[in-house]
Amino acid sequence: MPVTCSLHHAESAFCLSPRAGSRRAASTLQGLIYRVRPEAQSRLTAGYMIFYSIGCATGSIASTLIYALAGWTGVCLLGAAASAVALLFWTLTRRLA
């Protein structure tokens, strides 16, 4: 049986894998946040989810616009740039032991 693949199928396959990782990362981050202020879990969760949603929406909009302008190469470069910025931020803000 031949396998047909469209952009929709590719997006679905792409979305399934990162979601599992995103859920694990979200659980880990929430656990770290709860340790800081255990009595404020509901407020911390609300704030975390608001900013998480804003980040997801921003990433979706940006990658859609970049895909329209530069295709998958542009989207990959956008992802690499976002990762580089995150690494730079982490490097500049980490606590030295």
N, C-alpha and C. Protein backbone atom coordinates (compact mmCIF):
# COMPACT_ATOMS: atom_id res chain seq x y z
N MET A 1 0.85 -1.18 0.00
CA MET A 1 0.00 0.00 0.00
C MET A 1 0.89 1.24 0.00
N PRO A 2 0.73 2.13 -0.99
CA PRO A 2 1.58 3.31 -1.05
C PRO A 2 1.23 4.31 0.06
N VAL A 3 2.26 4.97 0.51
CA VAL A 3 2.07 5.98 1.55
C VAL A 3 2.03 7.34 0.88
N THR A 4 0.98 8.08 1.14
CA THR A 4 0.89 9.44 0.61
C THR A 4 1.13 10.40 1.75
N CYS A 5 1.78 11.48 1.45
CA CYS A 5 2.10 12.46 2.48
C CYS A 5 1.84 13.85 1.93
N SER A 6 1.12 14.61 2.65
CA SER A 6 0.88 16.00 2.27
C SER A 6 1.47 16.89 3.36
N LEU A 7 1.41 18.17 3.16
CA LEU A 7 1.90 19.10 4.17
C LEU A 7 1.14 18.89 5.47
N HIS A 8 -0.16 18.63 5.35
CA HIS A 8 -0.97 18.40 6.55
C HIS A 8 -0.45 17.18 7.32
N HIS A 9 -0.15 16.10 6.62
CA HIS A 9 0.37 14.91 7.28
C HIS A 9 1.73 15.19 7.91
N ALA A 10 2.56 15.92 7.22
CA ALA A 10 3.88 16.26 7.77
C ALA A 10 3.73 17.10 9.03
N GLU A 11 2.80 18.06 9.01
CA GLU A 11 2.58 18.89 10.19
C GLU A 11 2.06 18.06 11.34
N SER A 12 1.15 17.12 11.05
CA SER A 12 0.60 16.27 12.10
C SER A 12 1.70 15.42 12.72
N ALA A 13 2.55 14.84 11.89
CA ALA A 13 3.64 14.01 12.40
C ALA A 13 4.60 14.86 13.22
N PHE A 14 4.88 16.08 12.75
CA PHE A 14 5.77 16.97 13.46
C PHE A 14 5.18 17.36 14.80
N CYS A 15 3.89 17.63 14.83
CA CYS A 15 3.24 18.09 16.05
C CYS A 15 3.12 16.99 17.10
N LEU A 16 3.00 15.74 16.68
CA LEU A 16 2.83 14.67 17.66
C LEU A 16 4.09 14.45 18.49
N SER A 17 5.23 14.45 17.86
CA SER A 17 6.46 14.18 18.58
C SER A 17 6.84 15.29 19.56
N PRO A 18 6.87 16.56 19.15
CA PRO A 18 7.25 17.60 20.10
C PRO A 18 6.26 17.76 21.26
N ARG A 19 4.99 17.44 21.04
CA ARG A 19 4.03 17.59 22.13
C ARG A 19 4.37 16.70 23.30
N ALA A 20 4.79 15.49 23.03
CA ALA A 20 5.17 14.59 24.12
C ALA A 20 6.34 15.18 24.88
N GLY A 21 7.32 15.69 24.17
CA GLY A 21 8.47 16.32 24.82
C GLY A 21 8.08 17.60 25.53
N SER A 22 7.17 18.35 24.95
CA SER A 22 6.72 19.60 25.57
C SER A 22 6.00 19.33 26.88
N ARG A 23 5.21 18.27 26.91
CA ARG A 23 4.51 17.94 28.16
C ARG A 23 5.49 17.55 29.24
N ARG A 24 6.52 16.79 28.87
CA ARG A 24 7.53 16.41 29.86
C ARG A 24 8.28 17.65 30.36
N ALA A 25 8.64 18.53 29.45
CA ALA A 25 9.35 19.75 29.84
C ALA A 25 8.46 20.62 30.71
N ALA A 26 7.18 20.72 30.36
CA ALA A 26 6.25 21.54 31.16
C ALA A 26 6.13 20.98 32.57
N SER A 27 6.03 19.67 32.69
CA SER A 27 5.93 19.05 34.02
C SER A 27 7.19 19.31 34.84
N THR A 28 8.34 19.19 34.20
CA THR A 28 9.60 19.44 34.89
C THR A 28 9.70 20.88 35.34
N LEU A 29 9.35 21.80 34.45
CA LEU A 29 9.43 23.23 34.80
C LEU A 29 8.43 23.59 35.90
N GLN A 30 7.23 23.03 35.83
CA GLN A 30 6.26 23.31 36.88
C GLN A 30 6.76 22.79 38.22
N GLY A 31 7.39 21.62 38.22
CA GLY A 31 7.94 21.10 39.46
C GLY A 31 8.99 22.02 40.06
N LEU A 32 9.84 22.59 39.19
CA LEU A 32 10.85 23.54 39.67
C LEU A 32 10.21 24.81 40.20
N ILE A 33 9.18 25.28 39.51
CA ILE A 33 8.50 26.50 39.94
C ILE A 33 7.80 26.28 41.28
N TYR A 34 7.16 25.13 41.46
CA TYR A 34 6.43 24.85 42.70
C TYR A 34 7.36 24.80 43.90
N ARG A 35 8.60 24.41 43.70
CA ARG A 35 9.54 24.36 44.82
C ARG A 35 9.85 25.75 45.37
N VAL A 36 9.76 26.76 44.51
CA VAL A 36 10.07 28.12 44.93
C VAL A 36 8.99 28.65 45.87
N ARG A 37 7.71 28.48 45.49
CA ARG A 37 6.59 28.97 46.31
C ARG A 37 5.47 27.94 46.31
N PRO A 38 5.58 26.90 47.12
CA PRO A 38 4.59 25.82 47.10
C PRO A 38 3.18 26.30 47.44
N GLU A 39 3.05 27.36 48.22
CA GLU A 39 1.72 27.84 48.61
C GLU A 39 1.01 28.60 47.49
N ALA A 40 1.72 28.91 46.42
CA ALA A 40 1.14 29.70 45.33
C ALA A 40 1.04 28.90 44.03
N GLN A 41 0.77 27.60 44.13
CA GLN A 41 0.79 26.75 42.95
C GLN A 41 -0.21 27.18 41.88
N SER A 42 -1.43 27.53 42.26
CA SER A 42 -2.42 27.88 41.24
C SER A 42 -2.05 29.17 40.52
N ARG A 43 -1.55 30.14 41.24
CA ARG A 43 -1.12 31.40 40.59
C ARG A 43 0.09 31.18 39.71
N LEU A 44 1.03 30.39 40.19
CA LEU A 44 2.22 30.10 39.39
C LEU A 44 1.86 29.33 38.12
N THR A 45 0.95 28.37 38.25
CA THR A 45 0.53 27.60 37.08
C THR A 45 -0.17 28.52 36.07
N ALA A 46 -1.03 29.40 36.55
CA ALA A 46 -1.73 30.32 35.66
C ALA A 46 -0.75 31.22 34.92
N GLY A 47 0.20 31.80 35.63
CA GLY A 47 1.20 32.66 35.00
C GLY A 47 2.06 31.89 34.02
N TYR A 48 2.48 30.69 34.40
CA TYR A 48 3.30 29.86 33.53
C TYR A 48 2.54 29.54 32.24
N MET A 49 1.29 29.12 32.37
CA MET A 49 0.52 28.73 31.19
C MET A 49 0.21 29.92 30.28
N ILE A 50 0.01 31.10 30.86
CA ILE A 50 -0.22 32.29 30.03
C ILE A 50 1.01 32.56 29.17
N PHE A 51 2.18 32.58 29.78
CA PHE A 51 3.40 32.86 29.02
C PHE A 51 3.76 31.72 28.08
N TYR A 52 3.46 30.49 28.47
CA TYR A 52 3.67 29.34 27.59
C TYR A 52 2.80 29.47 26.34
N SER A 53 1.53 29.86 26.52
CA SER A 53 0.62 30.05 25.39
C SER A 53 1.07 31.19 24.49
N ILE A 54 1.51 32.28 25.09
CA ILE A 54 2.00 33.42 24.30
C ILE A 54 3.22 32.99 23.48
N GLY A 55 4.11 32.22 24.08
CA GLY A 55 5.29 31.73 23.36
C GLY A 55 4.91 30.81 22.21
N CYS A 56 3.96 29.92 22.45
CA CYS A 56 3.52 29.00 21.39
C CYS A 56 2.87 29.78 20.24
N ALA A 57 2.03 30.73 20.58
CA ALA A 57 1.36 31.53 19.54
C ALA A 57 2.37 32.35 18.75
N THR A 58 3.32 32.95 19.45
CA THR A 58 4.35 33.74 18.77
C THR A 58 5.19 32.87 17.84
N GLY A 59 5.56 31.69 18.32
CA GLY A 59 6.33 30.77 17.48
C GLY A 59 5.56 30.31 16.26
N SER A 60 4.28 30.05 16.44
CA SER A 60 3.45 29.62 15.31
C SER A 60 3.31 30.71 14.26
N ILE A 61 3.06 31.92 14.71
CA ILE A 61 2.92 33.05 13.78
C ILE A 61 4.24 33.31 13.05
N ALA A 62 5.32 33.36 13.81
CA ALA A 62 6.63 33.63 13.21
C ALA A 62 7.02 32.55 12.20
N SER A 63 6.83 31.28 12.56
CA SER A 63 7.23 30.22 11.64
C SER A 63 6.35 30.19 10.40
N THR A 64 5.07 30.54 10.55
CA THR A 64 4.19 30.60 9.38
C THR A 64 4.62 31.71 8.43
N LEU A 65 4.94 32.87 8.98
CA LEU A 65 5.38 34.00 8.15
C LEU A 65 6.71 33.69 7.47
N ILE A 66 7.64 33.12 8.23
CA ILE A 66 8.95 32.78 7.66
C ILE A 66 8.81 31.70 6.59
N TYR A 67 7.93 30.73 6.82
CA TYR A 67 7.71 29.68 5.81
C TYR A 67 7.19 30.29 4.51
N ALA A 68 6.30 31.26 4.62
CA ALA A 68 5.76 31.91 3.42
C ALA A 68 6.85 32.69 2.68
N LEU A 69 7.81 33.23 3.41
CA LEU A 69 8.87 34.03 2.79
C LEU A 69 10.08 33.21 2.34
N ALA A 70 10.47 32.19 3.15
CA ALA A 70 11.74 31.51 2.88
C ALA A 70 11.64 29.99 2.91
N GLY A 71 10.46 29.42 3.07
CA GLY A 71 10.31 27.97 3.07
C GLY A 71 10.89 27.32 4.31
N TRP A 72 11.13 26.00 4.21
CA TRP A 72 11.62 25.24 5.35
C TRP A 72 13.00 25.68 5.79
N THR A 73 13.81 26.14 4.86
CA THR A 73 15.15 26.62 5.23
C THR A 73 15.02 27.80 6.18
N GLY A 74 14.13 28.71 5.88
CA GLY A 74 13.90 29.86 6.75
C GLY A 74 13.39 29.46 8.11
N VAL A 75 12.46 28.47 8.16
CA VAL A 75 11.93 28.01 9.44
C VAL A 75 13.02 27.36 10.27
N CYS A 76 13.89 26.58 9.63
CA CYS A 76 15.01 25.96 10.34
C CYS A 76 15.97 27.00 10.88
N LEU A 77 16.24 28.03 10.08
CA LEU A 77 17.12 29.10 10.55
C LEU A 77 16.49 29.87 11.70
N LEU A 78 15.17 30.07 11.64
CA LEU A 78 14.46 30.72 12.74
C LEU A 78 14.59 29.90 14.01
N GLY A 79 14.40 28.58 13.90
CA GLY A 79 14.55 27.71 15.06
C GLY A 79 15.96 27.73 15.62
N ALA A 80 16.95 27.73 14.74
CA ALA A 80 18.34 27.80 15.19
C ALA A 80 18.62 29.14 15.88
N ALA A 81 18.08 30.22 15.34
CA ALA A 81 18.28 31.53 15.95
C ALA A 81 17.61 31.60 17.33
N ALA A 82 16.40 31.06 17.45
CA ALA A 82 15.72 31.05 18.75
C ALA A 82 16.51 30.23 19.76
N SER A 83 17.05 29.10 19.32
CA SER A 83 17.86 28.27 20.21
C SER A 83 19.14 28.99 20.63
N ALA A 84 19.76 29.70 19.70
CA ALA A 84 20.98 30.45 20.01
C ALA A 84 20.70 31.56 21.02
N VAL A 85 19.57 32.24 20.86
CA VAL A 85 19.19 33.29 21.81
C VAL A 85 18.94 32.69 23.19
N ALA A 86 18.25 31.55 23.24
CA ALA A 86 17.99 30.88 24.51
C ALA A 86 19.28 30.45 25.19
N LEU A 87 20.21 29.91 24.41
CA LEU A 87 21.50 29.49 24.95
C LEU A 87 22.29 30.70 25.47
N LEU A 88 22.27 31.79 24.73
CA LEU A 88 22.94 33.01 25.18
C LEU A 88 22.33 33.53 26.47
N PHE A 89 21.00 33.54 26.53
CA PHE A 89 20.31 33.99 27.75
C PHE A 89 20.69 33.11 28.94
N TRP A 90 20.65 31.81 28.72
CA TRP A 90 21.02 30.87 29.79
C TRP A 90 22.46 31.10 30.25
N THR A 91 23.36 31.28 29.28
CA THR A 91 24.77 31.49 29.61
C THR A 91 24.97 32.76 30.43
N LEU A 92 24.26 33.80 30.07
CA LEU A 92 24.43 35.08 30.77
C LEU A 92 23.74 35.14 32.13
N THR A 93 22.74 34.28 32.35
CA THR A 93 21.97 34.38 33.59
C THR A 93 22.17 33.21 34.54
N ARG A 94 22.95 32.21 34.16
CA ARG A 94 23.12 31.05 35.05
C ARG A 94 23.95 31.43 36.25
N ARG A 95 23.67 30.74 37.30
CA ARG A 95 24.42 30.97 38.54
C ARG A 95 25.65 30.09 38.53
N LEU A 96 26.75 30.67 38.84
CA LEU A 96 27.99 29.90 38.92
C LEU A 96 28.09 29.26 40.30
N ALA A 97 28.37 27.98 40.33
CA ALA A 97 28.45 27.27 41.63
C ALA A 97 29.79 27.47 42.29
